[in-house]
ModelCIF file with pLDDT and N, C-alpha, C, O atoms, coordinates in Angstrom:
data_MODEL
#
_entry.id   MODEL 
#
_entity.id                         1 
_entity.type                       polymer 
_entity.pdbx_number_of_molecules   1 
#
_entity_poly.entity_id                      1 
_entity_poly.type                           'polypeptide(L)' 
_entity_poly.nstd_linkage                   no 
_entity_poly.nstd_monomer                   no 
_entity_poly.pdbx_seq_one_letter_code       GSITIHVDNIIVTAVRSENGMVRVNNCCSHLLISLSHGKFRIYQKG 
_entity_poly.pdbx_seq_one_letter_code_can   GSITIHVDNIIVTAVRSENGMVRVNNCCSHLLISLSHGKFRIYQKG 
_entity_poly.pdbx_strand_id                 A 
#
loop_
_entity_poly_seq.entity_id 
_entity_poly_seq.num 
_entity_poly_seq.mon_id 
_entity_poly_seq.hetero 
1 1  GLY n 
1 2  SER n 
1 3  ILE n 
1 4  THR n 
1 5  ILE n 
1 6  HIS n 
1 7  VAL n 
1 8  ASP n 
1 9  ASN n 
1 10 ILE n 
1 11 ILE n 
1 12 VAL n 
1 13 THR n 
1 14 ALA n 
1 15 VAL n 
1 16 ARG n 
1 17 SER n 
1 18 GLU n 
1 19 ASN n 
1 20 GLY n 
1 21 MET n 
1 22 VAL n 
1 23 ARG n 
1 24 VAL n 
1 25 ASN n 
1 26 ASN n 
1 27 CYS n 
1 28 CYS n 
1 29 SER n 
1 30 HIS n 
1 31 LEU n 
1 32 LEU n 
1 33 ILE n 
1 34 SER n 
1 35 LEU n 
1 36 SER n 
1 37 HIS n 
1 38 GLY n 
1 39 LYS n 
1 40 PHE n 
1 41 ARG n 
1 42 ILE n 
1 43 TYR n 
1 44 GLN n 
1 45 LYS n 
1 46 GLY n 
#
_struct_asym.id          A 
_struct_asym.entity_id   1 
#
loop_
_ma_qa_metric.id 
_ma_qa_metric.mode 
_ma_qa_metric.name 
_ma_qa_metric.software_group_id 
_ma_qa_metric.type 
1 global pLDDT . pLDDT 
2 local  pLDDT . pLDDT 
#
_ma_qa_metric_global.metric_id      1 
_ma_qa_metric_global.metric_value   88.22 
_ma_qa_metric_global.model_id       1 
_ma_qa_metric_global.ordinal_id     1 
#
loop_
_ma_qa_metric_local.label_asym_id 
_ma_qa_metric_local.label_comp_id 
_ma_qa_metric_local.label_seq_id 
_ma_qa_metric_local.metric_id 
_ma_qa_metric_local.metric_value 
_ma_qa_metric_local.model_id 
_ma_qa_metric_local.ordinal_id 
A GLY 1  2 91.00 1 1  
A SER 2  2 94.00 1 2  
A ILE 3  2 94.00 1 3  
A THR 4  2 96.00 1 4  
A ILE 5  2 93.00 1 5  
A HIS 6  2 91.00 1 6  
A VAL 7  2 86.00 1 7  
A ASP 8  2 80.00 1 8  
A ASN 9  2 84.00 1 9  
A ILE 10 2 88.00 1 10 
A ILE 11 2 93.00 1 11 
A VAL 12 2 92.00 1 12 
A THR 13 2 94.00 1 13 
A ALA 14 2 94.00 1 14 
A VAL 15 2 93.00 1 15 
A ARG 16 2 89.00 1 16 
A SER 17 2 83.00 1 17 
A GLU 18 2 88.00 1 18 
A ASN 19 2 87.00 1 19 
A GLY 20 2 87.00 1 20 
A MET 21 2 90.00 1 21 
A VAL 22 2 92.00 1 22 
A ARG 23 2 93.00 1 23 
A VAL 24 2 92.00 1 24 
A ASN 25 2 93.00 1 25 
A ASN 26 2 90.00 1 26 
A CYS 27 2 91.00 1 27 
A CYS 28 2 91.00 1 28 
A SER 29 2 90.00 1 29 
A HIS 30 2 89.00 1 30 
A LEU 31 2 86.00 1 31 
A LEU 32 2 86.00 1 32 
A ILE 33 2 85.00 1 33 
A SER 34 2 85.00 1 34 
A LEU 35 2 80.00 1 35 
A SER 36 2 78.00 1 36 
A HIS 37 2 79.00 1 37 
A GLY 38 2 77.00 1 38 
A LYS 39 2 77.00 1 39 
A PHE 40 2 83.00 1 40 
A ARG 41 2 89.00 1 41 
A ILE 42 2 90.00 1 42 
A TYR 43 2 89.00 1 43 
A GLN 44 2 89.00 1 44 
A LYS 45 2 89.00 1 45 
A GLY 46 2 88.00 1 46 
#
loop_
_atom_site.group_PDB 
_atom_site.id 
_atom_site.type_symbol 
_atom_site.label_atom_id 
_atom_site.label_alt_id 
_atom_site.label_comp_id 
_atom_site.label_asym_id 
_atom_site.label_entity_id 
_atom_site.label_seq_id 
_atom_site.pdbx_PDB_ins_code 
_atom_site.Cartn_x 
_atom_site.Cartn_y 
_atom_site.Cartn_z 
_atom_site.occupancy 
_atom_site.B_iso_or_equiv 
_atom_site.pdbx_formal_charge 
_atom_site.auth_seq_id 
_atom_site.auth_comp_id 
_atom_site.auth_asym_id 
_atom_site.auth_atom_id 
_atom_site.pdbx_PDB_model_num 
ATOM 1   N N  . GLY A 1 1  ? 0.826  -1.205 -0.012  1.00 91.00 ? 1  GLY A N  1 
ATOM 2   C CA . GLY A 1 1  ? 0.014  0.012  -0.018  1.00 91.00 ? 1  GLY A CA 1 
ATOM 3   C C  . GLY A 1 1  ? 0.845  1.240  -0.019  1.00 91.00 ? 1  GLY A C  1 
ATOM 4   O O  . GLY A 1 1  ? 0.501  2.229  -0.666  1.00 91.00 ? 1  GLY A O  1 
ATOM 5   N N  . SER A 1 2  ? 1.987  1.199  0.725   1.00 94.00 ? 2  SER A N  1 
ATOM 6   C CA . SER A 1 2  ? 2.917  2.309  0.779   1.00 94.00 ? 2  SER A CA 1 
ATOM 7   C C  . SER A 1 2  ? 4.243  1.859  1.393   1.00 94.00 ? 2  SER A C  1 
ATOM 8   O O  . SER A 1 2  ? 4.336  0.821  2.048   1.00 94.00 ? 2  SER A O  1 
ATOM 9   N N  . ILE A 1 3  ? 5.250  2.673  1.155   1.00 94.00 ? 3  ILE A N  1 
ATOM 10  C CA . ILE A 1 3  ? 6.563  2.434  1.733   1.00 94.00 ? 3  ILE A CA 1 
ATOM 11  C C  . ILE A 1 3  ? 6.936  3.760  2.451   1.00 94.00 ? 3  ILE A C  1 
ATOM 12  O O  . ILE A 1 3  ? 6.695  4.852  1.937   1.00 94.00 ? 3  ILE A O  1 
ATOM 13  N N  . THR A 1 4  ? 7.522  3.623  3.634   1.00 96.00 ? 4  THR A N  1 
ATOM 14  C CA . THR A 1 4  ? 7.945  4.749  4.407   1.00 96.00 ? 4  THR A CA 1 
ATOM 15  C C  . THR A 1 4  ? 9.377  4.623  4.803   1.00 96.00 ? 4  THR A C  1 
ATOM 16  O O  . THR A 1 4  ? 9.780  3.599  5.355   1.00 96.00 ? 4  THR A O  1 
ATOM 17  N N  . ILE A 1 5  ? 10.168 5.646  4.535   1.00 93.00 ? 5  ILE A N  1 
ATOM 18  C CA . ILE A 1 5  ? 11.597 5.640  4.863   1.00 93.00 ? 5  ILE A CA 1 
ATOM 19  C C  . ILE A 1 5  ? 11.844 6.718  5.884   1.00 93.00 ? 5  ILE A C  1 
ATOM 20  O O  . ILE A 1 5  ? 11.497 7.872  5.633   1.00 93.00 ? 5  ILE A O  1 
ATOM 21  N N  . HIS A 1 6  ? 12.426 6.403  7.028   1.00 91.00 ? 6  HIS A N  1 
ATOM 22  C CA . HIS A 1 6  ? 12.781 7.324  8.083   1.00 91.00 ? 6  HIS A CA 1 
ATOM 23  C C  . HIS A 1 6  ? 14.273 7.537  8.000   1.00 91.00 ? 6  HIS A C  1 
ATOM 24  O O  . HIS A 1 6  ? 15.031 6.574  8.115   1.00 91.00 ? 6  HIS A O  1 
ATOM 25  N N  . VAL A 1 7  ? 14.720 8.751  7.806   1.00 86.00 ? 7  VAL A N  1 
ATOM 26  C CA . VAL A 1 7  ? 16.155 9.082  7.819   1.00 86.00 ? 7  VAL A CA 1 
ATOM 27  C C  . VAL A 1 7  ? 16.355 10.288 8.716   1.00 86.00 ? 7  VAL A C  1 
ATOM 28  O O  . VAL A 1 7  ? 15.867 11.378 8.418   1.00 86.00 ? 7  VAL A O  1 
ATOM 29  N N  . ASP A 1 8  ? 17.078 10.093 9.824   1.00 80.00 ? 8  ASP A N  1 
ATOM 30  C CA . ASP A 1 8  ? 17.232 11.172 10.809  1.00 80.00 ? 8  ASP A CA 1 
ATOM 31  C C  . ASP A 1 8  ? 15.824 11.714 11.159  1.00 80.00 ? 8  ASP A C  1 
ATOM 32  O O  . ASP A 1 8  ? 14.978 10.955 11.632  1.00 80.00 ? 8  ASP A O  1 
ATOM 33  N N  . ASN A 1 9  ? 15.574 12.995 10.935  1.00 84.00 ? 9  ASN A N  1 
ATOM 34  C CA . ASN A 1 9  ? 14.269 13.568 11.255  1.00 84.00 ? 9  ASN A CA 1 
ATOM 35  C C  . ASN A 1 9  ? 13.366 13.716 10.018  1.00 84.00 ? 9  ASN A C  1 
ATOM 36  O O  . ASN A 1 9  ? 12.407 14.486 10.054  1.00 84.00 ? 9  ASN A O  1 
ATOM 37  N N  . ILE A 1 10 ? 13.644 13.025 8.978   1.00 88.00 ? 10 ILE A N  1 
ATOM 38  C CA . ILE A 1 10 ? 12.936 13.100 7.726   1.00 88.00 ? 10 ILE A CA 1 
ATOM 39  C C  . ILE A 1 10 ? 12.125 11.828 7.538   1.00 88.00 ? 10 ILE A C  1 
ATOM 40  O O  . ILE A 1 10 ? 12.632 10.720 7.710   1.00 88.00 ? 10 ILE A O  1 
ATOM 41  N N  . ILE A 1 11 ? 10.838 12.006 7.176   1.00 93.00 ? 11 ILE A N  1 
ATOM 42  C CA . ILE A 1 11 ? 9.978  10.865 6.864   1.00 93.00 ? 11 ILE A CA 1 
ATOM 43  C C  . ILE A 1 11 ? 9.478  11.001 5.425   1.00 93.00 ? 11 ILE A C  1 
ATOM 44  O O  . ILE A 1 11 ? 8.811  11.971 5.067   1.00 93.00 ? 11 ILE A O  1 
ATOM 45  N N  . VAL A 1 12 ? 9.824  9.989  4.608   1.00 92.00 ? 12 VAL A N  1 
ATOM 46  C CA . VAL A 1 12 ? 9.401  10.030 3.191   1.00 92.00 ? 12 VAL A CA 1 
ATOM 47  C C  . VAL A 1 12 ? 8.449  8.819  2.985   1.00 92.00 ? 12 VAL A C  1 
ATOM 48  O O  . VAL A 1 12 ? 8.789  7.678  3.296   1.00 92.00 ? 12 VAL A O  1 
ATOM 49  N N  . THR A 1 13 ? 7.261  9.117  2.455   1.00 94.00 ? 13 THR A N  1 
ATOM 50  C CA . THR A 1 13 ? 6.284  8.073  2.165   1.00 94.00 ? 13 THR A CA 1 
ATOM 51  C C  . THR A 1 13 ? 5.913  8.092  0.704   1.00 94.00 ? 13 THR A C  1 
ATOM 52  O O  . THR A 1 13 ? 5.608  9.148  0.149   1.00 94.00 ? 13 THR A O  1 
ATOM 53  N N  . ALA A 1 14 ? 5.936  6.946  0.083   1.00 94.00 ? 14 ALA A N  1 
ATOM 54  C CA . ALA A 1 14 ? 5.446  6.810  -1.293  1.00 94.00 ? 14 ALA A CA 1 
ATOM 55  C C  . ALA A 1 14 ? 4.227  5.880  -1.234  1.00 94.00 ? 14 ALA A C  1 
ATOM 56  O O  . ALA A 1 14 ? 4.300  4.765  -0.717  1.00 94.00 ? 14 ALA A O  1 
ATOM 57  N N  . VAL A 1 15 ? 3.128  6.360  -1.768  1.00 93.00 ? 15 VAL A N  1 
ATOM 58  C CA . VAL A 1 15 ? 1.868  5.630  -1.696  1.00 93.00 ? 15 VAL A CA 1 
ATOM 59  C C  . VAL A 1 15 ? 1.603  5.011  -3.067  1.00 93.00 ? 15 VAL A C  1 
ATOM 60  O O  . VAL A 1 15 ? 1.837  5.622  -4.110  1.00 93.00 ? 15 VAL A O  1 
ATOM 61  N N  . ARG A 1 16 ? 1.104  3.766  -3.022  1.00 89.00 ? 16 ARG A N  1 
ATOM 62  C CA . ARG A 1 16 ? 0.800  3.059  -4.250  1.00 89.00 ? 16 ARG A CA 1 
ATOM 63  C C  . ARG A 1 16 ? -0.055 3.939  -5.182  1.00 89.00 ? 16 ARG A C  1 
ATOM 64  O O  . ARG A 1 16 ? -1.012 4.581  -4.750  1.00 89.00 ? 16 ARG A O  1 
ATOM 65  N N  . SER A 1 17 ? 0.307  3.946  -6.427  1.00 83.00 ? 17 SER A N  1 
ATOM 66  C CA . SER A 1 17 ? -0.437 4.630  -7.488  1.00 83.00 ? 17 SER A CA 1 
ATOM 67  C C  . SER A 1 17 ? -0.281 6.156  -7.495  1.00 83.00 ? 17 SER A C  1 
ATOM 68  O O  . SER A 1 17 ? -0.866 6.819  -8.350  1.00 83.00 ? 17 SER A O  1 
ATOM 69  N N  . GLU A 1 18 ? 0.498  6.732  -6.558  1.00 88.00 ? 18 GLU A N  1 
ATOM 70  C CA . GLU A 1 18 ? 0.752  8.171  -6.618  1.00 88.00 ? 18 GLU A CA 1 
ATOM 71  C C  . GLU A 1 18 ? 2.059  8.400  -7.375  1.00 88.00 ? 18 GLU A C  1 
ATOM 72  O O  . GLU A 1 18 ? 3.014  8.982  -6.861  1.00 88.00 ? 18 GLU A O  1 
ATOM 73  N N  . ASN A 1 19 ? 2.056  7.912  -8.634  1.00 87.00 ? 19 ASN A N  1 
ATOM 74  C CA . ASN A 1 19 ? 3.281  7.992  -9.430  1.00 87.00 ? 19 ASN A CA 1 
ATOM 75  C C  . ASN A 1 19 ? 3.898  9.376  -9.529  1.00 87.00 ? 19 ASN A C  1 
ATOM 76  O O  . ASN A 1 19 ? 3.202  10.368 -9.745  1.00 87.00 ? 19 ASN A O  1 
ATOM 77  N N  . GLY A 1 20 ? 5.219  9.428  -9.366  1.00 87.00 ? 20 GLY A N  1 
ATOM 78  C CA . GLY A 1 20 ? 5.915  10.694 -9.477  1.00 87.00 ? 20 GLY A CA 1 
ATOM 79  C C  . GLY A 1 20 ? 5.838  11.591 -8.301  1.00 87.00 ? 20 GLY A C  1 
ATOM 80  O O  . GLY A 1 20 ? 6.371  12.700 -8.318  1.00 87.00 ? 20 GLY A O  1 
ATOM 81  N N  . MET A 1 21 ? 5.158  11.116 -7.236  1.00 90.00 ? 21 MET A N  1 
ATOM 82  C CA . MET A 1 21 ? 4.965  11.921 -6.018  1.00 90.00 ? 21 MET A CA 1 
ATOM 83  C C  . MET A 1 21 ? 5.454  11.172 -4.813  1.00 90.00 ? 21 MET A C  1 
ATOM 84  O O  . MET A 1 21 ? 5.413  9.943  -4.772  1.00 90.00 ? 21 MET A O  1 
ATOM 85  N N  . VAL A 1 22 ? 5.920  11.912 -3.828  1.00 92.00 ? 22 VAL A N  1 
ATOM 86  C CA . VAL A 1 22 ? 6.244  11.374 -2.494  1.00 92.00 ? 22 VAL A CA 1 
ATOM 87  C C  . VAL A 1 22 ? 5.776  12.380 -1.497  1.00 92.00 ? 22 VAL A C  1 
ATOM 88  O O  . VAL A 1 22 ? 5.561  13.547 -1.825  1.00 92.00 ? 22 VAL A O  1 
ATOM 89  N N  . ARG A 1 23 ? 5.614  11.923 -0.253  1.00 93.00 ? 23 ARG A N  1 
ATOM 90  C CA . ARG A 1 23 ? 5.263  12.803 0.845   1.00 93.00 ? 23 ARG A CA 1 
ATOM 91  C C  . ARG A 1 23 ? 6.478  12.932 1.714   1.00 93.00 ? 23 ARG A C  1 
ATOM 92  O O  . ARG A 1 23 ? 6.966  11.937 2.250   1.00 93.00 ? 23 ARG A O  1 
ATOM 93  N N  . VAL A 1 24 ? 6.983  14.147 1.870   1.00 92.00 ? 24 VAL A N  1 
ATOM 94  C CA . VAL A 1 24 ? 8.164  14.416 2.720   1.00 92.00 ? 24 VAL A CA 1 
ATOM 95  C C  . VAL A 1 24 ? 7.650  15.147 3.925   1.00 92.00 ? 24 VAL A C  1 
ATOM 96  O O  . VAL A 1 24 ? 7.178  16.278 3.813   1.00 92.00 ? 24 VAL A O  1 
ATOM 97  N N  . ASN A 1 25 ? 7.733  14.515 5.092   1.00 93.00 ? 25 ASN A N  1 
ATOM 98  C CA . ASN A 1 25 ? 7.190  15.063 6.350   1.00 93.00 ? 25 ASN A CA 1 
ATOM 99  C C  . ASN A 1 25 ? 5.745  15.546 6.146   1.00 93.00 ? 25 ASN A C  1 
ATOM 100 O O  . ASN A 1 25 ? 5.349  16.626 6.585   1.00 93.00 ? 25 ASN A O  1 
ATOM 101 N N  . ASN A 1 26 ? 4.984  14.689 5.459   1.00 90.00 ? 26 ASN A N  1 
ATOM 102 C CA . ASN A 1 26 ? 3.522  14.902 5.196   1.00 90.00 ? 26 ASN A CA 1 
ATOM 103 C C  . ASN A 1 26 ? 3.212  15.992 4.171   1.00 90.00 ? 26 ASN A C  1 
ATOM 104 O O  . ASN A 1 26 ? 2.053  16.386 4.045   1.00 90.00 ? 26 ASN A O  1 
ATOM 105 N N  . CYS A 1 27 ? 4.196  16.486 3.443   1.00 91.00 ? 27 CYS A N  1 
ATOM 106 C CA . CYS A 1 27 ? 3.941  17.447 2.378   1.00 91.00 ? 27 CYS A CA 1 
ATOM 107 C C  . CYS A 1 27 ? 4.223  16.756 1.026   1.00 91.00 ? 27 CYS A C  1 
ATOM 108 O O  . CYS A 1 27 ? 5.310  16.220 0.812   1.00 91.00 ? 27 CYS A O  1 
ATOM 109 N N  . CYS A 1 28 ? 3.228  16.779 0.119   1.00 91.00 ? 28 CYS A N  1 
ATOM 110 C CA . CYS A 1 28 ? 3.401  16.144 -1.199  1.00 91.00 ? 28 CYS A CA 1 
ATOM 111 C C  . CYS A 1 28 ? 4.415  16.916 -2.026  1.00 91.00 ? 28 CYS A C  1 
ATOM 112 O O  . CYS A 1 28 ? 4.414  18.145 -2.077  1.00 91.00 ? 28 CYS A O  1 
ATOM 113 N N  . SER A 1 29 ? 5.270  16.151 -2.664  1.00 90.00 ? 29 SER A N  1 
ATOM 114 C CA . SER A 1 29 ? 6.343  16.724 -3.465  1.00 90.00 ? 29 SER A CA 1 
ATOM 115 C C  . SER A 1 29 ? 6.535  15.931 -4.748  1.00 90.00 ? 29 SER A C  1 
ATOM 116 O O  . SER A 1 29 ? 6.385  14.710 -4.770  1.00 90.00 ? 29 SER A O  1 
ATOM 117 N N  . HIS A 1 30 ? 6.874  16.656 -5.826  1.00 89.00 ? 30 HIS A N  1 
ATOM 118 C CA . HIS A 1 30 ? 7.284  16.008 -7.060  1.00 89.00 ? 30 HIS A CA 1 
ATOM 119 C C  . HIS A 1 30 ? 8.753  15.678 -6.958  1.00 89.00 ? 30 HIS A C  1 
ATOM 120 O O  . HIS A 1 30 ? 9.489  16.292 -6.185  1.00 89.00 ? 30 HIS A O  1 
ATOM 121 N N  . LEU A 1 31 ? 9.184  14.684 -7.759  1.00 86.00 ? 31 LEU A N  1 
ATOM 122 C CA . LEU A 1 31 ? 10.611 14.340 -7.772  1.00 86.00 ? 31 LEU A CA 1 
ATOM 123 C C  . LEU A 1 31 ? 11.353 15.239 -8.722  1.00 86.00 ? 31 LEU A C  1 
ATOM 124 O O  . LEU A 1 31 ? 10.754 15.659 -9.712  1.00 86.00 ? 31 LEU A O  1 
ATOM 125 N N  . LEU A 1 32 ? 12.472 15.535 -8.526  1.00 86.00 ? 32 LEU A N  1 
ATOM 126 C CA . LEU A 1 32 ? 13.713 15.277 -7.853  1.00 86.00 ? 32 LEU A CA 1 
ATOM 127 C C  . LEU A 1 32 ? 13.748 16.032 -6.573  1.00 86.00 ? 32 LEU A C  1 
ATOM 128 O O  . LEU A 1 32 ? 13.389 17.209 -6.519  1.00 86.00 ? 32 LEU A O  1 
ATOM 129 N N  . ILE A 1 33 ? 14.208 15.320 -5.469  1.00 85.00 ? 33 ILE A N  1 
ATOM 130 C CA . ILE A 1 33 ? 14.318 15.941 -4.164  1.00 85.00 ? 33 ILE A CA 1 
ATOM 131 C C  . ILE A 1 33 ? 15.719 15.603 -3.612  1.00 85.00 ? 33 ILE A C  1 
ATOM 132 O O  . ILE A 1 33 ? 16.210 14.480 -3.722  1.00 85.00 ? 33 ILE A O  1 
ATOM 133 N N  . SER A 1 34 ? 16.316 16.620 -3.025  1.00 85.00 ? 34 SER A N  1 
ATOM 134 C CA . SER A 1 34 ? 17.609 16.455 -2.396  1.00 85.00 ? 34 SER A CA 1 
ATOM 135 C C  . SER A 1 34 ? 17.493 16.970 -0.999  1.00 85.00 ? 34 SER A C  1 
ATOM 136 O O  . SER A 1 34 ? 17.091 18.117 -0.798  1.00 85.00 ? 34 SER A O  1 
ATOM 137 N N  . LEU A 1 35 ? 17.844 16.137 0.015   1.00 80.00 ? 35 LEU A N  1 
ATOM 138 C CA . LEU A 1 35 ? 17.700 16.484 1.424   1.00 80.00 ? 35 LEU A CA 1 
ATOM 139 C C  . LEU A 1 35 ? 19.029 16.228 2.135   1.00 80.00 ? 35 LEU A C  1 
ATOM 140 O O  . LEU A 1 35 ? 19.918 15.580 1.582   1.00 80.00 ? 35 LEU A O  1 
ATOM 141 N N  . SER A 1 36 ? 19.162 16.736 3.359   1.00 78.00 ? 36 SER A N  1 
ATOM 142 C CA . SER A 1 36 ? 20.368 16.508 4.196   1.00 78.00 ? 36 SER A CA 1 
ATOM 143 C C  . SER A 1 36 ? 21.631 16.861 3.414   1.00 78.00 ? 36 SER A C  1 
ATOM 144 O O  . SER A 1 36 ? 22.584 16.083 3.357   1.00 78.00 ? 36 SER A O  1 
ATOM 145 N N  . HIS A 1 37 ? 21.616 18.030 2.825   1.00 79.00 ? 37 HIS A N  1 
ATOM 146 C CA . HIS A 1 37 ? 22.812 18.536 2.072   1.00 79.00 ? 37 HIS A CA 1 
ATOM 147 C C  . HIS A 1 37 ? 23.248 17.568 0.967   1.00 79.00 ? 37 HIS A C  1 
ATOM 148 O O  . HIS A 1 37 ? 24.443 17.394 0.725   1.00 79.00 ? 37 HIS A O  1 
ATOM 149 N N  . GLY A 1 38 ? 22.292 16.953 0.310   1.00 77.00 ? 38 GLY A N  1 
ATOM 150 C CA . GLY A 1 38 ? 22.610 16.056 -0.819  1.00 77.00 ? 38 GLY A CA 1 
ATOM 151 C C  . GLY A 1 38 ? 22.881 14.630 -0.415  1.00 77.00 ? 38 GLY A C  1 
ATOM 152 O O  . GLY A 1 38 ? 23.081 13.790 -1.293  1.00 77.00 ? 38 GLY A O  1 
ATOM 153 N N  . LYS A 1 39 ? 22.901 14.307 0.857   1.00 77.00 ? 39 LYS A N  1 
ATOM 154 C CA . LYS A 1 39 ? 23.193 12.931 1.275   1.00 77.00 ? 39 LYS A CA 1 
ATOM 155 C C  . LYS A 1 39 ? 21.982 12.031 1.081   1.00 77.00 ? 39 LYS A C  1 
ATOM 156 O O  . LYS A 1 39 ? 22.120 10.808 1.115   1.00 77.00 ? 39 LYS A O  1 
ATOM 157 N N  . PHE A 1 40 ? 20.818 12.592 0.881   1.00 83.00 ? 40 PHE A N  1 
ATOM 158 C CA . PHE A 1 40 ? 19.611 11.848 0.720   1.00 83.00 ? 40 PHE A CA 1 
ATOM 159 C C  . PHE A 1 40 ? 18.865 12.379 -0.473  1.00 83.00 ? 40 PHE A C  1 
ATOM 160 O O  . PHE A 1 40 ? 18.335 13.489 -0.413  1.00 83.00 ? 40 PHE A O  1 
ATOM 161 N N  . ARG A 1 41 ? 18.801 11.627 -1.569  1.00 89.00 ? 41 ARG A N  1 
ATOM 162 C CA . ARG A 1 41 ? 18.183 12.061 -2.807  1.00 89.00 ? 41 ARG A CA 1 
ATOM 163 C C  . ARG A 1 41 ? 17.097 11.114 -3.251  1.00 89.00 ? 41 ARG A C  1 
ATOM 164 O O  . ARG A 1 41 ? 17.185 9.899  -3.074  1.00 89.00 ? 41 ARG A O  1 
ATOM 165 N N  . ILE A 1 42 ? 16.032 11.723 -3.854  1.00 90.00 ? 42 ILE A N  1 
ATOM 166 C CA . ILE A 1 42 ? 14.928 10.918 -4.350  1.00 90.00 ? 42 ILE A CA 1 
ATOM 167 C C  . ILE A 1 42 ? 14.663 11.398 -5.785  1.00 90.00 ? 42 ILE A C  1 
ATOM 168 O O  . ILE A 1 42 ? 14.487 12.592 -6.028  1.00 90.00 ? 42 ILE A O  1 
ATOM 169 N N  . TYR A 1 43 ? 14.639 10.473 -6.705  1.00 89.00 ? 43 TYR A N  1 
ATOM 170 C CA . TYR A 1 43 ? 14.381 10.836 -8.073  1.00 89.00 ? 43 TYR A CA 1 
ATOM 171 C C  . TYR A 1 43 ? 13.730 9.704  -8.810  1.00 89.00 ? 43 TYR A C  1 
ATOM 172 O O  . TYR A 1 43 ? 13.678 8.580  -8.311  1.00 89.00 ? 43 TYR A O  1 
ATOM 173 N N  . GLN A 1 44 ? 13.219 9.989  -10.023 1.00 89.00 ? 44 GLN A N  1 
ATOM 174 C CA . GLN A 1 44 ? 12.541 8.975  -10.802 1.00 89.00 ? 44 GLN A CA 1 
ATOM 175 C C  . GLN A 1 44 ? 13.555 8.289  -11.673 1.00 89.00 ? 44 GLN A C  1 
ATOM 176 O O  . GLN A 1 44 ? 14.405 8.932  -12.288 1.00 89.00 ? 44 GLN A O  1 
ATOM 177 N N  . LYS A 1 45 ? 13.461 6.968  -11.723 1.00 89.00 ? 45 LYS A N  1 
ATOM 178 C CA . LYS A 1 45 ? 14.341 6.170  -12.632 1.00 89.00 ? 45 LYS A CA 1 
ATOM 179 C C  . LYS A 1 45 ? 13.390 5.270  -13.388 1.00 89.00 ? 45 LYS A C  1 
ATOM 180 O O  . LYS A 1 45 ? 12.871 4.302  -12.833 1.00 89.00 ? 45 LYS A O  1 
ATOM 181 N N  . GLY A 1 46 ? 13.160 5.583  -14.651 1.00 88.00 ? 46 GLY A N  1 
ATOM 182 C CA . GLY A 1 46 ? 12.168 4.838  -15.443 1.00 88.00 ? 46 GLY A CA 1 
ATOM 183 C C  . GLY A 1 46 ? 10.793 5.030  -14.809 1.00 88.00 ? 46 GLY A C  1 
ATOM 184 O O  . GLY A 1 46 ? 9.803  4.494  -15.306 1.00 88.00 ? 46 GLY A O  1 
#
């Protein structure tokens, strides 16, 4: 149904069928995202 990744104080959730979108700390965002000074990146691959 969804996958949630916790990294330090950041919570990223990707919900089934919300293609191209993720929720970062409960705020919907389009990809490409770079967090923690580039140590944590989220992008679309295919």
